[in-house]
Protein backbone atom coordinates (compact mmCIF):
# COMPACT_ATOMS: atom_id res chain seq x y z
CA MET A 1 -0.44 0.16 0.31
CA LYS A 2 3.07 2.32 0.80
CA LYS A 3 4.65 1.43 -2.19
CA GLU A 4 1.71 2.43 -4.43
CA ILE A 5 1.09 5.73 -2.78
CA ASP A 6 4.84 6.59 -2.78
CA ILE A 7 4.54 5.84 -6.96
CA LEU A 8 1.55 7.61 -7.33
CA ASN A 9 3.61 10.71 -5.28
CA ILE A 10 6.97 10.22 -7.88
CA GLN A 11 4.44 10.74 -10.88
CA PHE A 12 2.82 13.12 -9.69
CA ILE A 13 5.34 15.22 -8.59
CA ALA A 14 6.71 14.42 -12.51
CA THR A 15 3.74 15.54 -14.16
CA LEU A 16 3.63 18.82 -13.10
CA PHE A 17 7.38 18.67 -13.97
CA PHE A 18 5.83 17.31 -17.80
CA ILE A 19 3.31 20.62 -16.74
CA LEU A 20 5.61 23.05 -16.50
CA SER A 21 7.24 21.54 -19.94
CA LEU A 22 4.62 22.31 -21.73
CA VAL A 23 4.50 26.17 -20.89
CA ILE A 24 7.52 26.23 -22.03
CA SER A 25 7.15 24.84 -25.44
CA LEU A 26 4.38 27.07 -25.40
CA ILE A 27 6.35 30.26 -24.91
CA LEU A 28 8.99 28.69 -27.45
CA ASN A 29 6.57 28.24 -30.43
CA TYR A 30 4.69 31.93 -29.55
CA ASN A 31 7.90 33.87 -29.31
CA GLU A 32 8.45 31.18 -33.01
CA LYS A 33 5.41 33.03 -33.70
CA LEU A 34 6.08 36.45 -32.93
CA ARG A 35 8.84 36.71 -34.71
CA PHE A 36 7.70 35.82 -37.70
CA TYR A 37 6.61 39.77 -37.47
CA ASN A 38 9.78 40.86 -36.30
CA LYS A 39 8.22 40.94 -32.63
CA SER A 40 10.18 38.47 -30.65
CA PHE A 41 10.40 38.43 -26.72
CA LEU A 42 13.66 35.78 -26.26
CA SER A 43 16.98 36.35 -27.65
CA ASP A 44 17.41 33.80 -29.84
CA ASP A 45 20.39 32.28 -27.36
CA LEU A 46 18.04 31.37 -25.10
CA VAL A 47 15.75 29.80 -26.21
CA ARG A 48 18.75 27.63 -27.96
CA LYS A 49 18.83 27.51 -23.96
CA LEU A 50 15.78 26.43 -23.62
CA SER A 51 14.91 24.45 -25.92
CA LEU A 52 17.66 22.55 -24.68
CA PHE A 53 16.95 21.98 -21.39
CA ASN A 54 13.49 21.42 -22.11
CA ARG A 55 14.66 18.30 -24.41
CA VAL A 56 16.74 17.07 -21.15
CA LEU A 57 14.28 17.28 -19.02
CA ILE A 58 11.60 15.19 -21.17
CA VAL A 59 13.85 12.71 -21.42
CA ILE A 60 14.73 13.02 -16.56
CA LEU A 61 10.91 12.60 -16.58
CA GLY A 62 10.88 9.67 -20.16
CA PHE A 63 13.40 8.03 -17.24
CA ILE A 64 11.33 8.58 -14.22
CA PHE A 65 8.42 7.32 -15.43
CA LEU A 66 9.80 3.98 -16.43
CA TYR A 67 11.02 3.42 -13.10
CA CYS A 68 8.16 3.85 -11.99
CA ASN A 69 6.53 1.28 -14.18
CA PHE A 70 9.05 -0.96 -13.32
CA ILE A 71 8.60 -0.67 -9.64
CA THR A 72 5.21 -1.63 -10.74
CA GLU A 73 3.71 -4.86 -9.70
CA ASN A 74 -0.07 -6.46 -9.94
CA ASN A 75 -0.08 -4.64 -13.79
CA LYS A 76 -0.83 -7.85 -16.24
CA TYR A 77 -0.30 -4.32 -19.38
CA ILE A 78 3.43 -2.93 -17.22
CA ASN A 79 5.52 -4.88 -20.30
CA LEU A 80 3.19 -2.91 -23.04
CA GLN A 81 3.83 -0.03 -21.00
CA ILE A 82 6.75 -0.34 -20.13
CA CYS A 83 7.81 -1.07 -24.01
CA ALA A 84 5.70 2.20 -24.95
CA ASN A 85 7.93 3.93 -22.35
CA VAL A 86 11.47 2.82 -23.97
CA LEU A 87 9.99 4.16 -27.23
CA SER A 88 8.88 7.58 -25.94
CA ILE A 89 12.58 7.69 -24.09
CA ILE A 90 14.28 7.10 -27.98
CA SER A 91 11.95 9.03 -29.71
CA ALA A 92 12.80 12.07 -27.01
CA LEU A 93 16.64 11.49 -26.82
CA ILE A 94 16.58 11.92 -30.51
CA VAL A 95 14.15 15.68 -30.41
CA LEU A 96 18.08 15.42 -28.11
CA TYR A 97 20.25 15.18 -30.25
CA VAL A 98 18.55 17.23 -32.68
CA VAL A 99 18.31 19.95 -30.97
CA TYR A 100 22.18 20.43 -29.61
CA VAL A 101 23.38 19.15 -32.84
CA SER A 102 21.33 22.56 -34.25
CA GLN A 103 21.91 24.00 -31.18
CA ASN A 104 24.65 26.70 -33.16
CA ASN A 105 23.18 26.08 -36.57
CA ASP A 106 19.53 27.45 -37.95
CA PHE A 107 17.79 25.01 -39.02
CA GLY A 108 14.63 26.72 -38.68
CA SER A 109 12.64 25.87 -35.22
CA PRO A 110 14.25 23.78 -32.30
CA ASN A 111 10.74 22.20 -30.52
CA LEU A 112 9.91 19.94 -32.59
């Protein structure tokens, strides 16, 4: 019983950080939209740093949710959840790599 509550607490905190990541993504996308009107409010350097931070945060959250899935008991679909989580982490790592590589180049929006 206590283990399940601890897992739910971890997932709750991770979900709050995921919401923070969504807010950062919204700000970056809105700034990108304003860039078309030459009214962006964030510098290019800050956009790169926020985007990289956001992608690292997503990867960390993916591993946190994977950990929660590994320690969960009595769930007959746990293997599917772990598989889906691993695929999410792989895609997050690919996007993180793209953002990291493109931070010194101007390949357009780093907000994939």
